[in-house]
PDB file of all heavy atoms in Angstrom:
ATOM      1  N   ALA A   1       2.029 -11.000   1.705  1.00  0.00           N
ATOM      2  CA  ALA A   1       1.701 -12.383   1.335  1.00  0.00           C
ATOM      3  C   ALA A   1       2.694 -13.370   1.927  1.00  0.00           C
ATOM      4  O   ALA A   1       2.303 -14.416   2.458  1.00  0.00           O
ATOM      5  CB  ALA A   1       1.665 -12.500  -0.186  1.00  0.00           C
ATOM      6  N   ARG A   2       3.989 -13.041   1.843  1.00  0.00           N
ATOM      7  CA  ARG A   2       5.003 -13.956   2.391  1.00  0.00           C
ATOM      8  C   ARG A   2       4.882 -14.102   3.894  1.00  0.00           C
ATOM      9  O   ARG A   2       5.142 -15.172   4.458  1.00  0.00           O
ATOM     10  CB  ARG A   2       6.415 -13.456   2.042  1.00  0.00           C
ATOM     11  CG  ARG A   2       6.771 -13.564   0.583  1.00  0.00           C
ATOM     12  CD  ARG A   2       8.260 -13.354   0.367  1.00  0.00           C
ATOM     13  NE  ARG A   2       8.760 -12.074   0.841  1.00  0.00           N
ATOM     14  CZ  ARG A   2       8.784 -10.953   0.114  1.00  0.00           C
ATOM     15  NH1 ARG A   2       8.290 -10.956  -1.124  1.00  0.00           N
ATOM     16  NH2 ARG A   2       9.273  -9.836   0.613  1.00  0.00           N
ATOM     17  N   SER A   3       4.524 -13.020   4.572  1.00  0.00           N
ATOM     18  CA  SER A   3       4.489 -13.033   6.040  1.00  0.00           C
ATOM     19  C   SER A   3       3.214 -13.638   6.597  1.00  0.00           C
ATOM     20  O   SER A   3       3.149 -13.980   7.781  1.00  0.00           O
ATOM     21  CB  SER A   3       4.647 -11.606   6.573  1.00  0.00           C
ATOM     22  OG  SER A   3       3.503 -10.821   6.265  1.00  0.00           O
ATOM     23  N   GLY A   4       2.170 -13.732   5.768  1.00  0.00           N
ATOM     24  CA  GLY A   4       0.885 -14.199   6.274  1.00  0.00           C
ATOM     25  C   GLY A   4       0.141 -13.153   7.066  1.00  0.00           C
ATOM     26  O   GLY A   4      -0.723 -13.478   7.889  1.00  0.00           O
ATOM     27  N   ALA A   5       0.430 -11.877   6.827  1.00  0.00           N
ATOM     28  CA  ALA A   5      -0.245 -10.798   7.549  1.00  0.00           C
ATOM     29  C   ALA A   5      -1.746 -10.846   7.291  1.00  0.00           C
ATOM     30  O   ALA A   5      -2.207 -11.205   6.198  1.00  0.00           O
ATOM     31  CB  ALA A   5       0.314  -9.448   7.117  1.00  0.00           C
ATOM     32  N   ARG A   6      -2.508 -10.417   8.289  1.00  0.00           N
ATOM     33  CA  ARG A   6      -3.963 -10.385   8.148  1.00  0.00           C
ATOM     34  C   ARG A   6      -4.451  -9.043   7.629  1.00  0.00           C
ATOM     35  O   ARG A   6      -5.577  -8.924   7.147  1.00  0.00           O
ATOM     36  CB  ARG A   6      -4.616 -10.697   9.496  1.00  0.00           C
ATOM     37  CG  ARG A   6      -4.334 -12.130   9.968  1.00  0.00           C
ATOM     38  CD  ARG A   6      -4.848 -12.372  11.368  1.00  0.00           C
ATOM     39  NE  ARG A   6      -6.289 -12.141  11.478  1.00  0.00           N
ATOM     40  CZ  ARG A   6      -6.957 -12.132  12.616  1.00  0.00           C
ATOM     41  NH1 ARG A   6      -6.313 -12.350  13.755  1.00  0.00           N
ATOM     42  NH2 ARG A   6      -8.252 -11.920  12.638  1.00  0.00           N
ATOM     43  N   LEU A   7      -3.618  -8.005   7.737  1.00  0.00           N
ATOM     44  CA  LEU A   7      -3.963  -6.683   7.223  1.00  0.00           C
ATOM     45  C   LEU A   7      -2.681  -5.961   6.849  1.00  0.00           C
ATOM     46  O   LEU A   7      -1.725  -5.953   7.620  1.00  0.00           O
ATOM     47  CB  LEU A   7      -4.717  -5.871   8.290  1.00  0.00           C
ATOM     48  CG  LEU A   7      -5.041  -4.415   7.918  1.00  0.00           C
ATOM     49  CD1 LEU A   7      -6.071  -4.360   6.788  1.00  0.00           C
ATOM     50  CD2 LEU A   7      -5.553  -3.640   9.141  1.00  0.00           C
ATOM     51  N   LEU A   8      -2.659  -5.349   5.669  1.00  0.00           N
ATOM     52  CA  LEU A   8      -1.563  -4.490   5.240  1.00  0.00           C
ATOM     53  C   LEU A   8      -2.035  -3.052   5.284  1.00  0.00           C
ATOM     54  O   LEU A   8      -3.052  -2.704   4.665  1.00  0.00           O
ATOM     55  CB  LEU A   8      -1.120  -4.858   3.820  1.00  0.00           C
ATOM     56  CG  LEU A   8      -0.132  -3.906   3.130  1.00  0.00           C
ATOM     57  CD1 LEU A   8       1.167  -3.766   3.908  1.00  0.00           C
ATOM     58  CD2 LEU A   8       0.139  -4.365   1.689  1.00  0.00           C
ATOM     59  N   VAL A   9      -1.314  -2.222   6.024  1.00  0.00           N
ATOM     60  CA  VAL A   9      -1.570  -0.782   6.057  1.00  0.00           C
ATOM     61  C   VAL A   9      -0.426  -0.117   5.299  1.00  0.00           C
ATOM     62  O   VAL A   9       0.724  -0.158   5.736  1.00  0.00           O
ATOM     63  CB  VAL A   9      -1.651  -0.250   7.503  1.00  0.00           C
ATOM     64  CG1 VAL A   9      -1.957   1.247   7.490  1.00  0.00           C
ATOM     65  CG2 VAL A   9      -2.712  -1.004   8.294  1.00  0.00           C
ATOM     66  N   LEU A  10      -0.756   0.476   4.176  1.00  0.00           N
ATOM     67  CA  LEU A  10       0.254   1.073   3.303  1.00  0.00           C
ATOM     68  C   LEU A  10       0.511   2.506   3.753  1.00  0.00           C
ATOM     69  O   LEU A  10      -0.418   3.312   3.880  1.00  0.00           O
ATOM     70  CB  LEU A  10      -0.250   1.052   1.865  1.00  0.00           C
ATOM     71  CG  LEU A  10       0.785   1.059   0.746  1.00  0.00           C
ATOM     72  CD1 LEU A  10       1.661  -0.183   0.797  1.00  0.00           C
ATOM     73  CD2 LEU A  10       0.079   1.157  -0.610  1.00  0.00           C
ATOM     74  N   THR A  11       1.805   2.827   4.007  1.00  0.00           N
ATOM     75  CA  THR A  11       2.143   4.140   4.553  1.00  0.00           C
ATOM     76  C   THR A  11       3.356   4.719   3.819  1.00  0.00           C
ATOM     77  O   THR A  11       3.741   4.230   2.766  1.00  0.00           O
ATOM     78  CB  THR A  11       2.364   4.040   6.082  1.00  0.00           C
ATOM     79  OG1 THR A  11       2.395   5.353   6.635  1.00  0.00           O
ATOM     80  CG2 THR A  11       3.635   3.277   6.424  1.00  0.00           C
ATOM     81  N   HIS A  12       3.922   5.815   4.378  1.00  0.00           N
ATOM     82  CA  HIS A  12       4.988   6.573   3.698  1.00  0.00           C
ATOM     83  C   HIS A  12       4.484   7.002   2.318  1.00  0.00           C
ATOM     84  O   HIS A  12       5.133   6.816   1.297  1.00  0.00           O
ATOM     85  CB  HIS A  12       6.266   5.732   3.586  1.00  0.00           C
ATOM     86  CG  HIS A  12       7.508   6.537   3.308  1.00  0.00           C
ATOM     87  ND1 HIS A  12       7.921   6.842   2.046  1.00  0.00           N
ATOM     88  CD2 HIS A  12       8.422   7.085   4.142  1.00  0.00           C
ATOM     89  CE1 HIS A  12       9.047   7.542   2.084  1.00  0.00           C
ATOM     90  NE2 HIS A  12       9.362   7.712   3.368  1.00  0.00           N
ATOM     91  N   LEU A  13       3.314   7.624   2.317  1.00  0.00           N
ATOM     92  CA  LEU A  13       2.596   7.952   1.085  1.00  0.00           C
ATOM     93  C   LEU A  13       3.053   9.314   0.583  1.00  0.00           C
ATOM     94  O   LEU A  13       2.751  10.348   1.185  1.00  0.00           O
ATOM     95  CB  LEU A  13       1.087   7.949   1.359  1.00  0.00           C
ATOM     96  CG  LEU A  13       0.544   6.616   1.904  1.00  0.00           C
ATOM     97  CD1 LEU A  13      -0.911   6.777   2.317  1.00  0.00           C
ATOM     98  CD2 LEU A  13       0.708   5.497   0.892  1.00  0.00           C
ATOM     99  N   ARG A  14       3.768   9.324  -0.514  1.00  0.00           N
ATOM    100  CA  ARG A  14       4.272  10.570  -1.086  1.00  0.00           C
ATOM    101  C   ARG A  14       3.126  11.335  -1.751  1.00  0.00           C
ATOM    102  O   ARG A  14       2.349  10.767  -2.518  1.00  0.00           O
ATOM    103  CB  ARG A  14       5.395  10.255  -2.068  1.00  0.00           C
ATOM    104  CG  ARG A  14       6.643   9.745  -1.342  1.00  0.00           C
ATOM    105  CD  ARG A  14       7.641   9.140  -2.267  1.00  0.00           C
ATOM    106  NE  ARG A  14       8.979   9.160  -1.660  1.00  0.00           N
ATOM    107  CZ  ARG A  14      10.031   8.557  -2.185  1.00  0.00           C
ATOM    108  NH1 ARG A  14       9.921   7.885  -3.334  1.00  0.00           N
ATOM    109  NH2 ARG A  14      11.202   8.618  -1.588  1.00  0.00           N
ATOM    110  N   SER A  15       3.046  12.629  -1.459  1.00  0.00           N
ATOM    111  CA  SER A  15       1.868  13.401  -1.856  1.00  0.00           C
ATOM    112  C   SER A  15       1.713  13.528  -3.363  1.00  0.00           C
ATOM    113  O   SER A  15       0.611  13.728  -3.861  1.00  0.00           O
ATOM    114  CB  SER A  15       1.927  14.804  -1.224  1.00  0.00           C
ATOM    115  OG  SER A  15       3.090  15.498  -1.644  1.00  0.00           O
ATOM    116  N   TRP A  16       2.811  13.396  -4.110  1.00  0.00           N
ATOM    117  CA  TRP A  16       2.750  13.587  -5.564  1.00  0.00           C
ATOM    118  C   TRP A  16       2.388  12.306  -6.315  1.00  0.00           C
ATOM    119  O   TRP A  16       2.270  12.321  -7.542  1.00  0.00           O
ATOM    120  CB  TRP A  16       4.070  14.138  -6.080  1.00  0.00           C
ATOM    121  CG  TRP A  16       5.272  13.309  -5.730  1.00  0.00           C
ATOM    122  CD1 TRP A  16       5.800  12.285  -6.455  1.00  0.00           C
ATOM    123  CD2 TRP A  16       6.090  13.436  -4.567  1.00  0.00           C
ATOM    124  NE1 TRP A  16       6.895  11.761  -5.811  1.00  0.00           N
ATOM    125  CE2 TRP A  16       7.103  12.455  -4.652  1.00  0.00           C
ATOM    126  CE3 TRP A  16       6.083  14.287  -3.448  1.00  0.00           C
ATOM    127  CZ2 TRP A  16       8.090  12.296  -3.673  1.00  0.00           C
ATOM    128  CZ3 TRP A  16       7.051  14.126  -2.482  1.00  0.00           C
ATOM    129  CH2 TRP A  16       8.031  13.149  -2.596  1.00  0.00           C
ATOM    130  N   LEU A  17       2.219  11.201  -5.602  1.00  0.00           N
ATOM    131  CA  LEU A  17       1.867   9.948  -6.244  1.00  0.00           C
ATOM    132  C   LEU A  17       0.355   9.713  -6.180  1.00  0.00           C
ATOM    133  O   LEU A  17      -0.356  10.288  -5.349  1.00  0.00           O
ATOM    134  CB  LEU A  17       2.589   8.780  -5.561  1.00  0.00           C
ATOM    135  CG  LEU A  17       4.114   8.783  -5.649  1.00  0.00           C
ATOM    136  CD1 LEU A  17       4.682   7.575  -4.905  1.00  0.00           C
ATOM    137  CD2 LEU A  17       4.596   8.786  -7.098  1.00  0.00           C
ATOM    138  N   ASP A  18      -0.129   8.859  -7.042  1.00  0.00           N
ATOM    139  CA  ASP A  18      -1.530   8.465  -7.072  1.00  0.00           C
ATOM    140  C   ASP A  18      -1.740   7.383  -6.008  1.00  0.00           C
ATOM    141  O   ASP A  18      -1.359   6.227  -6.199  1.00  0.00           O
ATOM    142  CB  ASP A  18      -1.869   7.929  -8.470  1.00  0.00           C
ATOM    143  CG  ASP A  18      -3.327   7.510  -8.620  1.00  0.00           C
ATOM    144  OD1 ASP A  18      -3.984   7.212  -7.601  1.00  0.00           O
ATOM    145  OD2 ASP A  18      -3.804   7.447  -9.773  1.00  0.00           O
ATOM    146  N   HIS A  19      -2.352   7.758  -4.891  1.00  0.00           N
ATOM    147  CA  HIS A  19      -2.489   6.822  -3.779  1.00  0.00           C
ATOM    148  C   HIS A  19      -3.447   5.675  -4.111  1.00  0.00           C
ATOM    149  O   HIS A  19      -3.270   4.560  -3.611  1.00  0.00           O
ATOM    150  CB  HIS A  19      -2.943   7.563  -2.524  1.00  0.00           C
ATOM    151  CG  HIS A  19      -1.924   8.530  -2.017  1.00  0.00           C
ATOM    152  ND1 HIS A  19      -2.159   9.375  -0.952  1.00  0.00           N
ATOM    153  CD2 HIS A  19      -0.660   8.804  -2.440  1.00  0.00           C
ATOM    154  CE1 HIS A  19      -1.086  10.124  -0.736  1.00  0.00           C
ATOM    155  NE2 HIS A  19      -0.169   9.798  -1.625  1.00  0.00           N
ATOM    156  N   GLY A  20      -4.429   5.943  -4.928  1.00  0.00           N
ATOM    157  CA  GLY A  20      -5.314   4.871  -5.355  1.00  0.00           C
ATOM    158  C   GLY A  20      -4.580   3.814  -6.159  1.00  0.00           C
ATOM    159  O   GLY A  20      -4.825   2.607  -6.004  1.00  0.00           O
ATOM    160  N   ARG A  21      -3.664   4.257  -6.986  1.00  0.00           N
ATOM    161  CA  ARG A  21      -2.865   3.302  -7.760  1.00  0.00           C
ATOM    162  C   ARG A  21      -1.924   2.517  -6.851  1.00  0.00           C
ATOM    163  O   ARG A  21      -1.711   1.309  -7.054  1.00  0.00           O
ATOM    164  CB  ARG A  21      -2.079   4.056  -8.833  1.00  0.00           C
ATOM    165  CG  ARG A  21      -1.298   3.145  -9.764  1.00  0.00           C
ATOM    166  CD  ARG A  21      -0.498   3.929 -10.780  1.00  0.00           C
ATOM    167  NE  ARG A  21       0.538   3.085 -11.382  1.00  0.00           N
ATOM    168  CZ  ARG A  21       1.637   3.538 -11.943  1.00  0.00           C
ATOM    169  NH1 ARG A  21       1.860   4.844 -11.998  1.00  0.00           N
ATOM    170  NH2 ARG A  21       2.519   2.706 -12.452  1.00  0.00           N
ATOM    171  N   LEU A  22      -1.351   3.180  -5.838  1.00  0.00           N
ATOM    172  CA  LEU A  22      -0.525   2.462  -4.859  1.00  0.00           C
ATOM    173  C   LEU A  22      -1.332   1.358  -4.180  1.00  0.00           C
ATOM    174  O   LEU A  22      -0.862   0.223  -4.028  1.00  0.00           O
ATOM    175  CB  LEU A  22       0.014   3.429  -3.806  1.00  0.00           C
ATOM    176  CG  LEU A  22       1.069   4.444  -4.240  1.00  0.00           C
ATOM    177  CD1 LEU A  22       1.298   5.466  -3.122  1.00  0.00           C
ATOM    178  CD2 LEU A  22       2.388   3.763  -4.603  1.00  0.00           C
ATOM    179  N   LEU A  23      -2.548   1.696  -3.772  1.00  0.00           N
ATOM    180  CA  LEU A  23      -3.417   0.722  -3.112  1.00  0.00           C
ATOM    181  C   LEU A  23      -3.704  -0.457  -4.032  1.00  0.00           C
ATOM    182  O   LEU A  23      -3.628  -1.626  -3.615  1.00  0.00           O
ATOM    183  CB  LEU A  23      -4.714   1.403  -2.682  1.00  0.00           C
ATOM    184  CG  LEU A  23      -5.742   0.548  -1.947  1.00  0.00           C
ATOM    185  CD1 LEU A  23      -5.207   0.110  -0.597  1.00  0.00           C
ATOM    186  CD2 LEU A  23      -7.046   1.324  -1.770  1.00  0.00           C
ATOM    187  N   ASP A  24      -4.019  -0.167  -5.285  1.00  0.00           N
ATOM    188  CA  ASP A  24      -4.326  -1.239  -6.236  1.00  0.00           C
ATOM    189  C   ASP A  24      -3.117  -2.152  -6.447  1.00  0.00           C
ATOM    190  O   ASP A  24      -3.270  -3.382  -6.510  1.00  0.00           O
ATOM    191  CB  ASP A  24      -4.754  -0.641  -7.577  1.00  0.00           C
ATOM    192  CG  ASP A  24      -6.125   0.010  -7.522  1.00  0.00           C
ATOM    193  OD1 ASP A  24      -6.874  -0.252  -6.560  1.00  0.00           O
ATOM    194  OD2 ASP A  24      -6.441   0.791  -8.438  1.00  0.00           O
ATOM    195  N   GLU A  25      -1.920  -1.552  -6.552  1.00  0.00           N
ATOM    196  CA  GLU A  25      -0.731  -2.372  -6.783  1.00  0.00           C
ATOM    197  C   GLU A  25      -0.457  -3.286  -5.591  1.00  0.00           C
ATOM    198  O   GLU A  25      -0.156  -4.472  -5.768  1.00  0.00           O
ATOM    199  CB  GLU A  25       0.475  -1.490  -7.070  1.00  0.00           C
ATOM    200  CG  GLU A  25       1.744  -2.294  -7.344  1.00  0.00           C
ATOM    201  CD  GLU A  25       2.898  -1.441  -7.853  1.00  0.00           C
ATOM    202  OE1 GLU A  25       2.813  -0.970  -9.003  1.00  0.00           O
ATOM    203  OE2 GLU A  25       3.866  -1.245  -7.078  1.00  0.00           O
ATOM    204  N   ALA A  26      -0.552  -2.747  -4.383  1.00  0.00           N
ATOM    205  CA  ALA A  26      -0.315  -3.567  -3.190  1.00  0.00           C
ATOM    206  C   ALA A  26      -1.348  -4.681  -3.080  1.00  0.00           C
ATOM    207  O   ALA A  26      -1.017  -5.834  -2.769  1.00  0.00           O
ATOM    208  CB  ALA A  26      -0.331  -2.698  -1.943  1.00  0.00           C
TER     209      ALA A  26
END
């Protein structure tokens, strides 16, 4: 949001975390 990016690609995804929840938070 601060940078004005047009797309955020969320990476460094730890396998033991809920990736859907990470996506929702971002």
